[in-house]
Amino acid sequence: MPRSGILLVTGILLSVVLVSGCADDSVPDQAVEDVAPPPSVTPAAEPSAAVRLSPAQARDLAVQTITVQRIDEAFEAVLPGSVLPSPEHFALVSAPIAGRVSHIWAHEGERVERGAPLAELESLEFANLAADFVQARAEANYVAGEVERLETLVAQKITPRSRLDRARADLTRADAMVRAATARLRTLGIDEAQMESWTTGSDDRPNLVIRAPISGSIDRHLIDLGQSVTAYQEMMSIVDPSAVLIRGYLSPEDASAVHPGNPVCIEVNDVPDCVINTTVTTVNPSVDPENRAVTLNIIVATRDGWPLPGQTVRLTVDAGSARQTMSIPLSAVQYSGDQAHVFVRRDSVTYESRPVVIERIGENAAVLSSGLSEGEDVAVTQVYNLKALARFEHFAEE
């Protein structure tokens, strides 16, 4: 092949290679169309915010409305209460020392007066305490006599004063031993008369008598004759039913409106004779972690034996402070999930579905904290039909 032909072929091949290298071998992106999910998994759309009635619908439904107004409301809280023994009218009787029950004078349901004997304990430990007291008293009496004798001898210059000084120091220590022994016995409820009876020998059985700390009736009896008891073991309880403590449980939202001295009515449902009017005694400063409520404490004298500890009562607390509130009948409220709605009338045939915030619900009305303004008209009848028509209009528009 001539040289000019070879050069021509070579130029053609180079041109092909260059064109191939510069060409874009990528495939252009194709537009992806959005595919809507099936209607079965599409969330339901919210209904229209308003519904407009036709003249026939307005005539047939005859929706009744009320005008929203702010009124002065005296806050009143109705809450459950539990009855407990009053702190000053209830006592647990425990064994102050280990021993054996040698006598029982009072049993369940019996009335006892303050200071009356309830039970008797035979106790070696108590006998040792009594012996320590008798010995300390005898030692103190002996040393006191020795000091008196030495004072006479020193005055006559028969005995040196140093012996008198030592005797007076011994007397101080002996008196201290007597006071210590007396204090230990007083913690067990022993009085001076019984201690003196030991020193004179008129009582040679130093058994410990357990006495009633308050007047009342024996509620629980936990010991038997001959039973051994340990120190601080509970033996029985005494309840004075003339007064009780009632605890009421108030929601934290209402606690700021209730204070000591607020009037409170204590009653039992459908029992007209079981009603006591009194006042709140104290209010606990924190929320009870168990029931998440603020505790009211009411100490009240019982009436004809009512209420009894263990009963449940109803408390109606008058906070005594009026405040302006806005309330609507419960018949005006509809719910969409957890959200409360009402229908506000715009004109004679148009009603707006509006969310509201309910502060609390009473027997027949809901107290609102926001959502409505004074003077607006709210539907109180045919609310369910208005809700259905609002949904129908919404889906018809689609």
Protein backbone atom coordinates (compact mmCIF):
# COMPACT_ATOMS: atom_id res chain seq x y z
CA MET A 1 0.00 0.00 0.00
CA PRO A 2 1.35 3.44 -0.83
CA ARG A 3 2.51 5.57 2.06
CA SER A 4 -0.33 8.11 1.53
CA GLY A 5 -2.94 5.27 1.92
CA ILE A 6 -1.45 4.10 5.20
CA LEU A 7 -1.60 7.65 6.60
CA LEU A 8 -5.26 7.97 5.57
CA VAL A 9 -6.31 4.73 7.31
CA THR A 10 -4.40 5.72 10.45
CA GLY A 11 -6.16 9.12 10.55
CA ILE A 12 -9.60 7.48 10.28
CA LEU A 13 -8.88 5.08 13.18
CA LEU A 14 -7.66 7.92 15.40
CA SER A 15 -10.82 9.89 14.67
CA VAL A 16 -13.01 6.92 15.64
CA VAL A 17 -11.10 6.44 18.93
CA LEU A 18 -11.39 10.12 19.83
CA VAL A 19 -15.11 10.21 19.07
CA SER A 20 -15.71 7.07 21.14
CA GLY A 21 -13.74 8.46 24.12
CA CYS A 22 -15.65 11.74 24.10
CA ALA A 23 -19.07 10.15 23.84
CA ASP A 24 -21.18 10.02 27.07
CA ASP A 25 -21.97 6.36 27.63
CA SER A 26 -24.25 7.05 30.69
CA VAL A 27 -27.95 6.30 30.44
CA PRO A 28 -30.06 9.41 31.11
CA ASP A 29 -32.18 9.28 34.34
CA GLN A 30 -35.79 8.51 33.76
CA ALA A 31 -38.37 10.48 35.73
CA VAL A 32 -39.89 8.34 38.51
CA GLU A 33 -43.56 8.90 38.98
CA ASP A 34 -44.87 9.15 42.58
CA VAL A 35 -47.18 6.28 43.43
CA ALA A 36 -49.83 7.13 45.97
CA PRO A 37 -50.42 4.65 48.78
CA PRO A 38 -53.67 2.70 48.70
CA PRO A 39 -56.67 4.31 50.40
CA SER A 40 -56.72 1.58 53.07
CA VAL A 41 -53.46 2.85 54.60
CA THR A 42 -53.99 6.58 53.98
CA PRO A 43 -54.73 8.45 57.23
CA ALA A 44 -58.15 10.01 57.40
CA ALA A 45 -58.05 13.72 56.72
CA GLU A 46 -59.41 16.12 59.28
CA PRO A 47 -62.92 17.34 58.50
CA SER A 48 -63.53 20.86 57.36
CA ALA A 49 -63.27 23.54 60.05
CA ALA A 50 -66.82 24.65 59.35
CA VAL A 51 -70.12 23.24 58.14
CA ARG A 52 -72.73 25.22 56.20
CA LEU A 53 -76.32 24.01 56.44
CA SER A 54 -78.83 24.20 53.67
CA PRO A 55 -82.14 25.93 54.51
CA ALA A 56 -83.81 22.51 54.79
CA GLN A 57 -81.06 21.19 57.08
CA ALA A 58 -81.22 24.28 59.24
CA ARG A 59 -84.99 23.90 59.54
CA ASP A 60 -84.90 20.16 60.31
CA LEU A 61 -82.01 20.24 62.79
CA ALA A 62 -83.15 23.39 64.63
CA VAL A 63 -79.79 23.67 66.37
CA GLN A 64 -80.01 25.28 69.79
CA THR A 65 -77.13 27.40 71.09
CA ILE A 66 -76.05 29.15 74.27
CA THR A 67 -74.06 32.35 74.61
CA VAL A 68 -70.75 31.89 76.41
CA GLN A 69 -70.33 34.13 79.47
CA ARG A 70 -67.81 34.47 82.27
CA ILE A 71 -69.29 33.97 85.71
CA ASP A 72 -67.97 34.26 89.26
CA GLU A 73 -67.62 30.72 90.56
CA ALA A 74 -66.95 29.75 94.16
CA PHE A 75 -64.43 26.94 93.88
CA GLU A 76 -65.61 23.74 95.53
CA ALA A 77 -63.68 20.46 95.59
CA VAL A 78 -65.33 17.08 96.16
CA LEU A 79 -62.83 14.41 97.14
CA PRO A 80 -62.63 11.06 98.94
CA GLY A 81 -61.48 10.83 102.53
CA SER A 82 -60.30 8.06 104.84
CA VAL A 83 -60.89 8.05 108.59
CA LEU A 84 -58.00 7.34 110.99
CA PRO A 85 -57.60 7.62 114.76
CA SER A 86 -56.71 11.12 115.87
CA PRO A 87 -53.01 11.43 116.87
CA GLU A 88 -53.87 12.56 120.40
CA HIS A 89 -56.56 9.90 120.76
CA PHE A 90 -54.59 6.80 119.81
CA ALA A 91 -51.80 4.95 121.63
CA LEU A 92 -49.71 1.83 121.09
CA VAL A 93 -48.86 0.01 124.32
CA SER A 94 -45.47 -1.69 124.16
CA ALA A 95 -43.43 -3.69 126.65
CA PRO A 96 -40.72 -1.33 127.99
CA ILE A 97 -38.58 -4.27 129.07
CA ALA A 98 -38.32 -8.01 128.42
CA GLY A 99 -40.37 -10.25 130.68
CA ARG A 100 -43.26 -12.69 131.07
CA VAL A 101 -46.93 -11.67 131.15
CA SER A 102 -48.14 -12.56 134.66
CA HIS A 103 -51.47 -10.75 134.64
CA ILE A 104 -53.87 -9.13 132.14
CA TRP A 105 -56.54 -6.70 133.30
CA ALA A 106 -57.88 -5.20 130.03
CA HIS A 107 -59.18 -6.95 126.92
CA GLU A 108 -60.45 -5.95 123.47
CA GLY A 109 -63.40 -3.57 123.47
CA GLU A 110 -63.12 -2.70 127.15
CA ARG A 111 -63.02 0.93 128.26
CA VAL A 112 -59.96 1.98 130.29
CA GLU A 113 -59.01 5.26 131.91
CA ARG A 114 -55.62 6.93 131.74
CA GLY A 115 -53.28 5.34 134.30
CA ALA A 116 -55.37 2.19 134.73
CA PRO A 117 -53.39 -1.10 134.91
CA LEU A 118 -53.45 -3.08 131.68
CA ALA A 119 -50.98 -5.93 132.24
CA GLU A 120 -48.19 -7.04 134.58
CA LEU A 121 -44.74 -8.37 133.68
CA GLU A 122 -42.40 -10.54 135.69
CA SER A 123 -38.89 -9.52 134.65
CA LEU A 124 -35.46 -10.40 136.00
CA GLU A 125 -34.04 -7.29 134.37
CA PHE A 126 -36.64 -5.14 136.11
CA ALA A 127 -35.91 -6.85 139.43
CA ASN A 128 -32.21 -6.01 139.01
CA LEU A 129 -33.06 -2.36 138.36
CA ALA A 130 -35.19 -2.29 141.49
CA ALA A 131 -32.38 -3.90 143.50
CA ASP A 132 -29.90 -1.32 142.19
CA PHE A 133 -32.19 1.45 143.37
CA VAL A 134 -32.65 -0.04 146.84
CA GLN A 135 -28.92 -0.57 147.21
CA ALA A 136 -28.09 2.96 146.00
CA ARG A 137 -30.64 4.45 148.39
CA ALA A 138 -29.25 2.45 151.34
CA GLU A 139 -25.69 3.48 150.51
CA ALA A 140 -26.70 7.12 150.27
CA ASN A 141 -28.49 6.98 153.62
CA TYR A 142 -25.45 5.40 155.28
CA VAL A 143 -23.01 7.96 153.85
CA ALA A 144 -25.35 10.81 154.81
CA GLY A 145 -25.33 9.57 158.41
CA GLU A 146 -21.53 9.27 158.35
CA VAL A 147 -21.20 12.86 157.12
CA GLU A 148 -23.49 14.08 159.91
CA ARG A 149 -21.43 12.20 162.54
CA LEU A 150 -18.11 13.51 161.20
CA GLU A 151 -19.40 17.08 161.15
CA THR A 152 -20.01 16.82 164.90
CA LEU A 153 -16.55 15.33 165.57
CA VAL A 154 -14.82 17.95 163.42
CA ALA A 155 -16.67 20.69 165.27
CA GLN A 156 -15.32 19.24 168.53
CA LYS A 157 -11.85 18.96 166.97
CA ILE A 158 -11.80 15.24 167.58
CA THR A 159 -11.56 14.16 163.90
CA PRO A 160 -9.51 15.85 161.16
CA ARG A 161 -11.44 17.76 158.47
CA SER A 162 -9.94 15.58 155.70
CA ARG A 163 -12.10 12.63 156.78
CA LEU A 164 -15.18 14.84 156.55
CA ASP A 165 -14.23 16.01 153.07
CA ARG A 166 -13.83 12.41 151.88
CA ALA A 167 -17.21 11.49 153.38
CA ARG A 168 -18.89 14.42 151.66
CA ALA A 169 -17.38 13.30 148.33
CA ASP A 170 -18.71 9.77 148.95
CA LEU A 171 -22.13 11.25 149.65
CA THR A 172 -22.09 13.13 146.34
CA ARG A 173 -21.30 9.90 144.46
CA ALA A 174 -23.99 7.99 146.39
CA ASP A 175 -26.61 10.63 145.58
CA ALA A 176 -25.61 10.41 141.90
CA MET A 177 -26.13 6.65 141.97
CA VAL A 178 -29.60 7.15 143.46
CA ARG A 179 -30.54 9.68 140.78
CA ALA A 180 -29.32 7.34 138.01
CA ALA A 181 -31.25 4.37 139.39
CA THR A 182 -34.35 6.56 139.78
CA ALA A 183 -34.10 7.79 136.18
CA ARG A 184 -33.92 4.24 134.82
CA LEU A 185 -37.03 3.29 136.76
CA ARG A 186 -38.93 6.41 135.68
CA THR A 187 -38.43 5.43 132.03
CA LEU A 188 -40.41 2.29 132.85
CA GLY A 189 -43.24 4.30 134.38
CA ILE A 190 -42.41 3.66 138.06
CA ASP A 191 -43.42 6.49 140.40
CA GLU A 192 -41.88 7.62 143.70
CA ALA A 193 -44.52 5.85 145.79
CA GLN A 194 -43.63 2.42 144.39
CA MET A 195 -39.90 3.07 144.81
CA GLU A 196 -40.43 4.03 148.45
CA SER A 197 -42.44 0.85 149.02
CA TRP A 198 -39.34 -1.16 148.05
CA THR A 199 -37.09 0.66 150.51
CA THR A 200 -39.55 0.21 153.37
CA GLY A 201 -40.13 -3.46 152.59
CA SER A 202 -43.91 -3.08 152.13
CA ASP A 203 -43.63 -4.45 148.55
CA ASP A 204 -41.26 -7.36 147.98
CA ARG A 205 -42.63 -8.28 144.50
CA PRO A 206 -41.13 -5.73 142.11
CA ASN A 207 -43.29 -6.71 139.10
CA LEU A 208 -43.72 -4.16 136.34
CA VAL A 209 -47.31 -2.92 135.86
CA ILE A 210 -48.11 -1.58 132.39
CA ARG A 211 -50.61 1.31 132.60
CA ALA A 212 -52.86 3.00 130.03
CA PRO A 213 -51.26 6.13 128.52
CA ILE A 214 -54.65 7.56 127.46
CA SER A 215 -58.32 6.98 128.14
CA GLY A 216 -60.16 4.95 125.53
CA SER A 217 -61.11 1.44 124.45
CA ILE A 218 -58.78 -1.49 123.80
CA ASP A 219 -58.69 -1.96 120.03
CA ARG A 220 -56.11 -4.71 119.44
CA HIS A 221 -54.94 -7.22 122.02
CA LEU A 222 -51.73 -9.06 121.08
CA ILE A 223 -50.61 -10.86 124.24
CA ASP A 224 -51.66 -13.91 126.25
CA LEU A 225 -51.19 -14.83 129.88
CA GLY A 226 -47.77 -16.43 130.42
CA GLN A 227 -46.40 -15.15 127.11
CA SER A 228 -42.80 -13.93 127.00
CA VAL A 229 -42.32 -10.51 125.45
CA THR A 230 -39.26 -8.59 124.38
CA ALA A 231 -38.46 -4.94 124.95
CA TYR A 232 -40.56 -2.59 122.75
CA GLN A 233 -42.82 -5.42 121.56
CA GLU A 234 -46.35 -4.19 120.83
CA MET A 235 -48.86 -5.56 123.32
CA MET A 236 -52.12 -3.74 122.58
CA SER A 237 -53.54 -0.48 121.21
CA ILE A 238 -56.00 2.00 122.68
CA VAL A 239 -58.38 4.17 120.64
CA ASP A 240 -60.37 7.10 121.97
CA PRO A 241 -63.26 7.43 119.48
CA SER A 242 -64.24 10.92 120.63
CA ALA A 243 -62.12 12.46 117.83
CA VAL A 244 -60.73 11.21 114.52
CA LEU A 245 -58.32 12.29 111.81
CA ILE A 246 -59.74 12.41 108.28
CA ARG A 247 -57.35 12.55 105.36
CA GLY A 248 -58.62 13.88 102.05
CA TYR A 249 -56.80 13.54 98.75
CA LEU A 250 -56.84 16.66 96.55
CA SER A 251 -55.51 16.97 93.01
CA PRO A 252 -52.32 19.07 92.81
CA GLU A 253 -54.02 21.44 90.34
CA ASP A 254 -56.59 22.44 92.98
CA ALA A 255 -54.28 22.42 96.00
CA SER A 256 -53.32 26.10 95.73
CA ALA A 257 -56.96 27.12 96.34
CA VAL A 258 -57.38 25.15 99.59
CA HIS A 259 -55.94 26.35 102.91
CA PRO A 260 -56.30 25.55 106.62
CA GLY A 261 -59.55 26.98 107.91
CA ASN A 262 -61.56 26.41 104.71
CA PRO A 263 -65.03 25.01 105.42
CA VAL A 264 -65.46 21.31 104.70
CA CYS A 265 -68.50 19.05 104.80
CA ILE A 266 -68.00 15.41 105.80
CA GLU A 267 -70.71 13.00 104.70
CA VAL A 268 -71.57 9.52 103.53
CA ASN A 269 -73.53 9.02 100.32
CA ASP A 270 -77.29 8.75 100.84
CA VAL A 271 -77.01 8.87 104.66
CA PRO A 272 -78.54 12.23 105.71
CA ASP A 273 -77.76 11.74 109.41
CA CYS A 274 -74.02 11.27 108.75
CA VAL A 275 -73.02 14.86 108.03
CA ILE A 276 -70.48 16.97 109.93
CA ASN A 277 -69.49 20.53 109.02
CA THR A 278 -66.03 21.59 110.16
CA THR A 279 -62.84 23.17 108.76
CA VAL A 280 -59.57 21.97 107.23
CA THR A 281 -56.92 21.57 109.94
CA THR A 282 -53.72 21.37 107.88
CA VAL A 283 -52.59 20.82 104.27
CA ASN A 284 -49.49 18.76 103.52
CA PRO A 285 -46.85 20.75 101.61
CA SER A 286 -46.00 18.08 99.01
CA VAL A 287 -47.59 15.51 96.70
CA ASP A 288 -47.96 12.00 98.08
CA PRO A 289 -45.77 9.77 95.85
CA GLU A 290 -48.20 6.85 96.10
CA ASN A 291 -51.48 8.45 95.04
CA ARG A 292 -50.07 11.62 93.40
CA ALA A 293 -52.37 13.82 95.48
CA VAL A 294 -52.05 16.53 98.11
CA THR A 295 -53.27 15.37 101.52
CA LEU A 296 -55.72 17.42 103.61
CA ASN A 297 -55.84 16.70 107.35
CA ILE A 298 -59.05 17.26 109.28
CA ILE A 299 -59.24 16.57 113.01
CA VAL A 300 -62.86 16.55 114.10
CA ALA A 301 -64.91 15.45 117.11
CA THR A 302 -67.17 12.51 116.33
CA ARG A 303 -70.94 12.72 116.57
CA ASP A 304 -72.76 9.79 118.16
CA GLY A 305 -69.75 7.58 117.47
CA TRP A 306 -69.49 8.58 113.78
CA PRO A 307 -67.28 8.40 111.81
CA LEU A 308 -65.28 5.40 112.90
CA PRO A 309 -61.60 4.80 112.05
CA GLY A 310 -61.38 2.72 108.89
CA GLN A 311 -64.45 4.25 107.22
CA THR A 312 -64.46 6.07 103.88
CA VAL A 313 -66.24 9.41 103.63
CA ARG A 314 -66.84 12.13 101.05
CA LEU A 315 -65.41 15.60 101.61
CA THR A 316 -66.72 18.80 100.03
CA VAL A 317 -64.23 21.62 100.53
CA ASP A 318 -65.29 25.25 99.99
CA ALA A 319 -62.18 27.19 98.94
CA GLY A 320 -63.95 30.44 99.83
CA SER A 321 -62.52 32.38 96.87
CA ALA A 322 -64.60 33.28 93.84
CA ARG A 323 -62.99 33.39 90.40
CA GLN A 324 -64.23 34.04 86.90
CA THR A 325 -64.67 30.91 84.83
CA MET A 326 -66.16 30.02 81.47
CA SER A 327 -68.18 26.82 81.34
CA ILE A 328 -70.35 25.12 78.74
CA PRO A 329 -72.75 22.16 78.95
CA LEU A 330 -71.21 18.76 78.38
CA SER A 331 -73.68 18.25 75.53
CA ALA A 332 -71.74 20.87 73.52
CA VAL A 333 -68.46 18.92 73.60
CA GLN A 334 -67.36 16.43 70.95
CA TYR A 335 -64.00 14.67 70.78
CA SER A 336 -61.67 13.97 67.89
CA GLY A 337 -59.26 11.55 69.49
CA ASP A 338 -58.19 13.24 72.72
CA GLN A 339 -58.97 16.75 71.48
CA ALA A 340 -62.22 18.36 72.60
CA HIS A 341 -64.19 20.39 70.01
CA VAL A 342 -67.28 22.60 70.04
CA PHE A 343 -69.34 24.07 67.20
CA VAL A 344 -69.38 27.87 67.28
CA ARG A 345 -72.15 29.58 65.26
CA ARG A 346 -70.87 32.07 62.71
CA ASP A 347 -74.30 32.89 61.27
CA SER A 348 -77.71 31.26 61.14
CA VAL A 349 -76.52 28.38 58.93
CA THR A 350 -72.73 28.19 59.46
CA TYR A 351 -71.00 26.46 62.39
CA GLU A 352 -67.26 26.36 63.00
CA SER A 353 -65.64 23.30 64.61
CA ARG A 354 -63.17 24.73 67.12
CA PRO A 355 -60.78 22.94 69.52
CA VAL A 356 -61.03 23.92 73.19
CA VAL A 357 -59.00 23.14 76.31
CA ILE A 358 -61.00 21.78 79.26
CA GLU A 359 -59.72 22.64 82.74
CA ARG A 360 -62.04 20.29 84.57
CA ILE A 361 -65.33 18.48 84.11
CA GLY A 362 -68.19 18.80 86.58
CA GLU A 363 -71.43 16.91 86.83
CA ASN A 364 -73.15 18.69 83.92
CA ALA A 365 -70.64 21.22 82.59
CA ALA A 366 -67.06 21.55 81.41
CA VAL A 367 -64.94 24.46 82.64
CA LEU A 368 -62.73 25.80 79.83
CA SER A 369 -59.30 27.33 80.10
CA SER A 370 -59.06 28.43 76.44
CA GLY A 371 -60.68 28.13 73.02
CA LEU A 372 -63.73 30.37 73.36
CA SER A 373 -64.41 34.06 73.88
CA GLU A 374 -67.16 35.65 75.87
CA GLY A 375 -70.24 36.37 73.78
CA GLU A 376 -69.78 33.55 71.25
CA ASP A 377 -72.70 31.19 70.57
CA VAL A 378 -72.05 27.45 70.95
CA ALA A 379 -74.28 24.63 69.71
CA VAL A 380 -75.68 22.48 72.53
CA THR A 381 -78.00 20.25 70.45
CA GLN A 382 -77.49 18.29 67.22
CA VAL A 383 -73.72 18.39 67.84
CA TYR A 384 -73.23 14.83 66.64
CA ASN A 385 -75.15 15.59 63.41
CA LEU A 386 -73.05 18.70 62.83
CA LYS A 387 -69.91 16.61 63.20
CA ALA A 388 -71.23 14.06 60.71
CA LEU A 389 -72.16 16.79 58.20
CA ALA A 390 -68.70 18.35 58.55
CA ARG A 391 -67.08 15.04 57.67
CA PHE A 392 -69.49 14.50 54.79
CA GLU A 393 -68.68 17.92 53.30
CA HIS A 394 -64.97 17.24 53.67
CA PHE A 395 -65.09 13.95 51.78
CA ALA A 396 -67.50 15.42 49.17
CA GLU A 397 -64.92 18.11 48.39
CA GLU A 398 -62.38 15.39 47.67
